[in-house]
Amino acid sequence: MHVHVNADELEKFAREIKSFLDTQQNATSRLRGAFNRVKSSWQDNKCKEFENNFSDLVNRLLRFNELAQGDINHLKKLIAVQREYERTRHGR
Protein backbone atom coordinates (compact mmCIF):
# COMPACT_ATOMS: atom_id res chain seq x y z
CA MET A 1 0.00 0.00 0.00
CA HIS A 2 1.54 3.32 -1.04
CA VAL A 3 0.33 6.24 0.98
CA HIS A 4 1.52 9.81 1.05
CA VAL A 5 -0.19 11.65 3.84
CA ASN A 6 0.69 14.04 6.61
CA ALA A 7 0.96 11.55 9.46
CA ASP A 8 0.97 14.27 12.12
CA GLU A 9 -2.29 15.74 10.82
CA LEU A 10 -3.89 12.31 10.60
CA GLU A 11 -2.83 11.60 14.18
CA LYS A 12 -4.41 14.85 15.34
CA PHE A 13 -7.59 14.05 13.44
CA ALA A 14 -7.79 10.53 14.91
CA ARG A 15 -7.40 12.03 18.40
CA GLU A 16 -10.17 14.56 17.62
CA ILE A 17 -12.50 11.76 16.55
CA LYS A 18 -11.71 9.82 19.75
CA SER A 19 -12.23 12.92 21.88
CA PHE A 20 -15.57 13.61 20.18
CA LEU A 21 -16.71 10.02 20.75
CA ASP A 22 -15.72 10.16 24.42
CA THR A 23 -17.49 13.50 24.92
CA GLN A 24 -20.61 12.29 23.11
CA GLN A 25 -20.72 9.08 25.17
CA ASN A 26 -20.35 11.00 28.44
CA ALA A 27 -23.06 13.49 27.46
CA THR A 28 -25.38 10.68 26.39
CA SER A 29 -24.88 8.91 29.72
CA ARG A 30 -25.55 12.10 31.68
CA LEU A 31 -28.73 12.82 29.72
CA ARG A 32 -29.90 9.21 30.11
CA GLY A 33 -29.38 9.46 33.88
CA ALA A 34 -31.19 12.80 34.11
CA PHE A 35 -34.10 11.46 32.07
CA ASN A 36 -34.35 8.32 34.21
CA ARG A 37 -34.58 10.52 37.32
CA VAL A 38 -37.52 12.57 35.98
CA LYS A 39 -39.30 9.86 34.02
CA SER A 40 -41.45 8.72 36.95
CA SER A 41 -42.79 12.23 37.55
CA TRP A 42 -43.08 13.25 33.88
CA GLN A 43 -45.74 11.02 32.46
CA ASP A 44 -47.42 12.41 29.38
CA ASN A 45 -47.23 11.99 25.62
CA LYS A 46 -44.23 14.31 25.33
CA CYS A 47 -42.31 12.13 27.78
CA LYS A 48 -42.93 9.05 25.65
CA GLU A 49 -42.06 11.01 22.51
CA PHE A 50 -38.79 12.18 24.08
CA GLU A 51 -38.00 8.63 25.19
CA ASN A 52 -38.54 7.29 21.66
CA ASN A 53 -36.55 10.10 20.03
CA PHE A 54 -33.71 9.68 22.52
CA SER A 55 -33.66 5.92 21.96
CA ASP A 56 -33.47 6.47 18.18
CA LEU A 57 -30.65 8.97 18.65
CA VAL A 58 -28.69 6.63 20.92
CA ASN A 59 -28.99 3.84 18.34
CA ARG A 60 -27.71 6.15 15.58
CA LEU A 61 -24.87 7.34 17.80
CA LEU A 62 -23.88 3.75 18.58
CA ARG A 63 -23.72 3.01 14.86
CA PHE A 64 -21.67 6.17 14.24
CA ASN A 65 -19.35 5.17 17.08
CA GLU A 66 -18.76 1.76 15.50
CA LEU A 67 -18.04 3.32 12.11
CA ALA A 68 -15.80 6.00 13.58
CA GLN A 69 -13.79 3.38 15.49
CA GLY A 70 -13.20 1.67 12.15
CA ASP A 71 -12.10 5.00 10.69
CA ILE A 72 -9.68 5.53 13.59
CA ASN A 73 -8.19 2.07 13.00
CA HIS A 74 -7.83 2.83 9.29
CA LEU A 75 -6.13 6.15 10.03
CA LYS A 76 -3.71 4.40 12.40
CA LYS A 77 -2.75 1.99 9.61
CA LEU A 78 -2.19 4.87 7.19
CA ILE A 79 -0.07 6.65 9.79
CA ALA A 80 2.04 3.53 10.36
CA VAL A 81 2.57 3.06 6.61
CA GLN A 82 3.54 6.70 6.17
CA ARG A 83 5.92 6.65 9.15
CA GLU A 84 7.58 3.48 7.82
CA TYR A 85 7.90 5.06 4.38
CA GLU A 86 9.48 8.16 5.88
CA ARG A 87 11.82 6.08 8.03
CA THR A 88 13.08 3.97 5.13
CA ARG A 89 13.31 6.94 2.76
CA HIS A 90 15.33 9.04 5.18
CA GLY A 91 17.27 6.13 6.62
CA ARG A 92 19.35 5.58 3.49
C-alpha atoms as a PDB file:
ATOM      1  CA  MET A   1       0.000   0.000   0.000  1.00  0.00           C
ATOM      2  CA  HIS A   2       1.539   3.317  -1.045  1.00  0.00           C
ATOM      3  CA  VAL A   3       0.332   6.240   0.977  1.00  0.00           C
ATOM      4  CA  HIS A   4       1.517   9.812   1.050  1.00  0.00           C
ATOM      5  CA  VAL A   5      -0.195  11.654   3.842  1.00  0.00           C
ATOM      6  CA  ASN A   6       0.686  14.039   6.614  1.00  0.00           C
ATOM      7  CA  ALA A   7       0.962  11.547   9.459  1.00  0.00           C
ATOM      8  CA  ASP A   8       0.974  14.273  12.121  1.00  0.00           C
ATOM      9  CA  GLU A   9      -2.286  15.738  10.815  1.00  0.00           C
ATOM     10  CA  LEU A  10      -3.890  12.307  10.596  1.00  0.00           C
ATOM     11  CA  GLU A  11      -2.832  11.595  14.178  1.00  0.00           C
ATOM     12  CA  LYS A  12      -4.407  14.851  15.341  1.00  0.00           C
ATOM     13  CA  PHE A  13      -7.593  14.052  13.442  1.00  0.00           C
ATOM     14  CA  ALA A  14      -7.788  10.531  14.908  1.00  0.00           C
ATOM     15  CA  ARG A  15      -7.401  12.032  18.400  1.00  0.00           C
ATOM     16  CA  GLU A  16     -10.167  14.558  17.621  1.00  0.00           C
ATOM     17  CA  ILE A  17     -12.498  11.759  16.552  1.00  0.00           C
ATOM     18  CA  LYS A  18     -11.708   9.817  19.747  1.00  0.00           C
ATOM     19  CA  SER A  19     -12.231  12.917  21.885  1.00  0.00           C
ATOM     20  CA  PHE A  20     -15.565  13.605  20.178  1.00  0.00           C
ATOM     21  CA  LEU A  21     -16.710  10.024  20.752  1.00  0.00           C
ATOM     22  CA  ASP A  22     -15.722  10.163  24.424  1.00  0.00           C
ATOM     23  CA  THR A  23     -17.493  13.505  24.922  1.00  0.00           C
ATOM     24  CA  GLN A  24     -20.606  12.291  23.114  1.00  0.00           C
ATOM     25  CA  GLN A  25     -20.717   9.084  25.171  1.00  0.00           C
ATOM     26  CA  ASN A  26     -20.347  10.996  28.440  1.00  0.00           C
ATOM     27  CA  ALA A  27     -23.059  13.494  27.460  1.00  0.00           C
ATOM     28  CA  THR A  28     -25.382  10.684  26.395  1.00  0.00           C
ATOM     29  CA  SER A  29     -24.879   8.906  29.725  1.00  0.00           C
ATOM     30  CA  ARG A  30     -25.547  12.102  31.682  1.00  0.00           C
ATOM     31  CA  LEU A  31     -28.727  12.816  29.720  1.00  0.00           C
ATOM     32  CA  ARG A  32     -29.902   9.215  30.111  1.00  0.00           C
ATOM     33  CA  GLY A  33     -29.378   9.465  33.878  1.00  0.00           C
ATOM     34  CA  ALA A  34     -31.188  12.796  34.111  1.00  0.00           C
ATOM     35  CA  PHE A  35     -34.103  11.462  32.071  1.00  0.00           C
ATOM     36  CA  ASN A  36     -34.346   8.325  34.209  1.00  0.00           C
ATOM     37  CA  ARG A  37     -34.575  10.521  37.321  1.00  0.00           C
ATOM     38  CA  VAL A  38     -37.521  12.573  35.984  1.00  0.00           C
ATOM     39  CA  LYS A  39     -39.302   9.858  34.023  1.00  0.00           C
ATOM     40  CA  SER A  40     -41.448   8.717  36.950  1.00  0.00           C
ATOM     41  CA  SER A  41     -42.793  12.231  37.553  1.00  0.00           C
ATOM     42  CA  TRP A  42     -43.080  13.252  33.884  1.00  0.00           C
ATOM     43  CA  GLN A  43     -45.742  11.015  32.456  1.00  0.00           C
ATOM     44  CA  ASP A  44     -47.419  12.412  29.378  1.00  0.00           C
ATOM     45  CA  ASN A  45     -47.232  11.986  25.619  1.00  0.00           C
ATOM     46  CA  LYS A  46     -44.229  14.309  25.328  1.00  0.00           C
ATOM     47  CA  CYS A  47     -42.309  12.133  27.781  1.00  0.00           C
ATOM     48  CA  LYS A  48     -42.934   9.048  25.650  1.00  0.00           C
ATOM     49  CA  GLU A  49     -42.063  11.010  22.511  1.00  0.00           C
ATOM     50  CA  PHE A  50     -38.792  12.175  24.077  1.00  0.00           C
ATOM     51  CA  GLU A  51     -37.996   8.635  25.186  1.00  0.00           C
ATOM     52  CA  ASN A  52     -38.544   7.288  21.660  1.00  0.00           C
ATOM     53  CA  ASN A  53     -36.552  10.099  20.034  1.00  0.00           C
ATOM     54  CA  PHE A  54     -33.711   9.677  22.516  1.00  0.00           C
ATOM     55  CA  SER A  55     -33.656   5.924  21.957  1.00  0.00           C
ATOM     56  CA  ASP A  56     -33.473   6.469  18.183  1.00  0.00           C
ATOM     57  CA  LEU A  57     -30.652   8.968  18.648  1.00  0.00           C
ATOM     58  CA  VAL A  58     -28.688   6.630  20.916  1.00  0.00           C
ATOM     59  CA  ASN A  59     -28.988   3.838  18.342  1.00  0.00           C
ATOM     60  CA  ARG A  60     -27.714   6.146  15.578  1.00  0.00           C
ATOM     61  CA  LEU A  61     -24.871   7.336  17.795  1.00  0.00           C
ATOM     62  CA  LEU A  62     -23.885   3.750  18.581  1.00  0.00           C
ATOM     63  CA  ARG A  63     -23.717   3.008  14.857  1.00  0.00           C
ATOM     64  CA  PHE A  64     -21.674   6.171  14.242  1.00  0.00           C
ATOM     65  CA  ASN A  65     -19.349   5.173  17.083  1.00  0.00           C
ATOM     66  CA  GLU A  66     -18.759   1.762  15.498  1.00  0.00           C
ATOM     67  CA  LEU A  67     -18.043   3.316  12.107  1.00  0.00           C
ATOM     68  CA  ALA A  68     -15.796   6.002  13.584  1.00  0.00           C
ATOM     69  CA  GLN A  69     -13.788   3.375  15.490  1.00  0.00           C
ATOM     70  CA  GLY A  70     -13.201   1.673  12.147  1.00  0.00           C
ATOM     71  CA  ASP A  71     -12.098   5.003  10.694  1.00  0.00           C
ATOM     72  CA  ILE A  72      -9.682   5.531  13.592  1.00  0.00           C
ATOM     73  CA  ASN A  73      -8.191   2.072  13.004  1.00  0.00           C
ATOM     74  CA  HIS A  74      -7.833   2.830   9.287  1.00  0.00           C
ATOM     75  CA  LEU A  75      -6.130   6.146  10.035  1.00  0.00           C
ATOM     76  CA  LYS A  76      -3.709   4.401  12.405  1.00  0.00           C
ATOM     77  CA  LYS A  77      -2.754   1.990   9.608  1.00  0.00           C
ATOM     78  CA  LEU A  78      -2.192   4.874   7.192  1.00  0.00           C
ATOM     79  CA  ILE A  79      -0.073   6.645   9.790  1.00  0.00           C
ATOM     80  CA  ALA A  80       2.043   3.532  10.357  1.00  0.00           C
ATOM     81  CA  VAL A  81       2.571   3.059   6.612  1.00  0.00           C
ATOM     82  CA  GLN A  82       3.544   6.701   6.165  1.00  0.00           C
ATOM     83  CA  ARG A  83       5.922   6.647   9.146  1.00  0.00           C
ATOM     84  CA  GLU A  84       7.582   3.478   7.820  1.00  0.00           C
ATOM     85  CA  TYR A  85       7.902   5.056   4.377  1.00  0.00           C
ATOM     86  CA  GLU A  86       9.483   8.165   5.883  1.00  0.00           C
ATOM     87  CA  ARG A  87      11.824   6.078   8.034  1.00  0.00           C
ATOM     88  CA  THR A  88      13.080   3.969   5.125  1.00  0.00           C
ATOM     89  CA  ARG A  89      13.315   6.937   2.764  1.00  0.00           C
ATOM     90  CA  HIS A  90      15.325   9.042   5.183  1.00  0.00           C
ATOM     91  CA  GLY A  91      17.270   6.128   6.621  1.00  0.00           C
ATOM     92  CA  ARG A  92      19.347   5.579   3.485  1.00  0.00           C
END
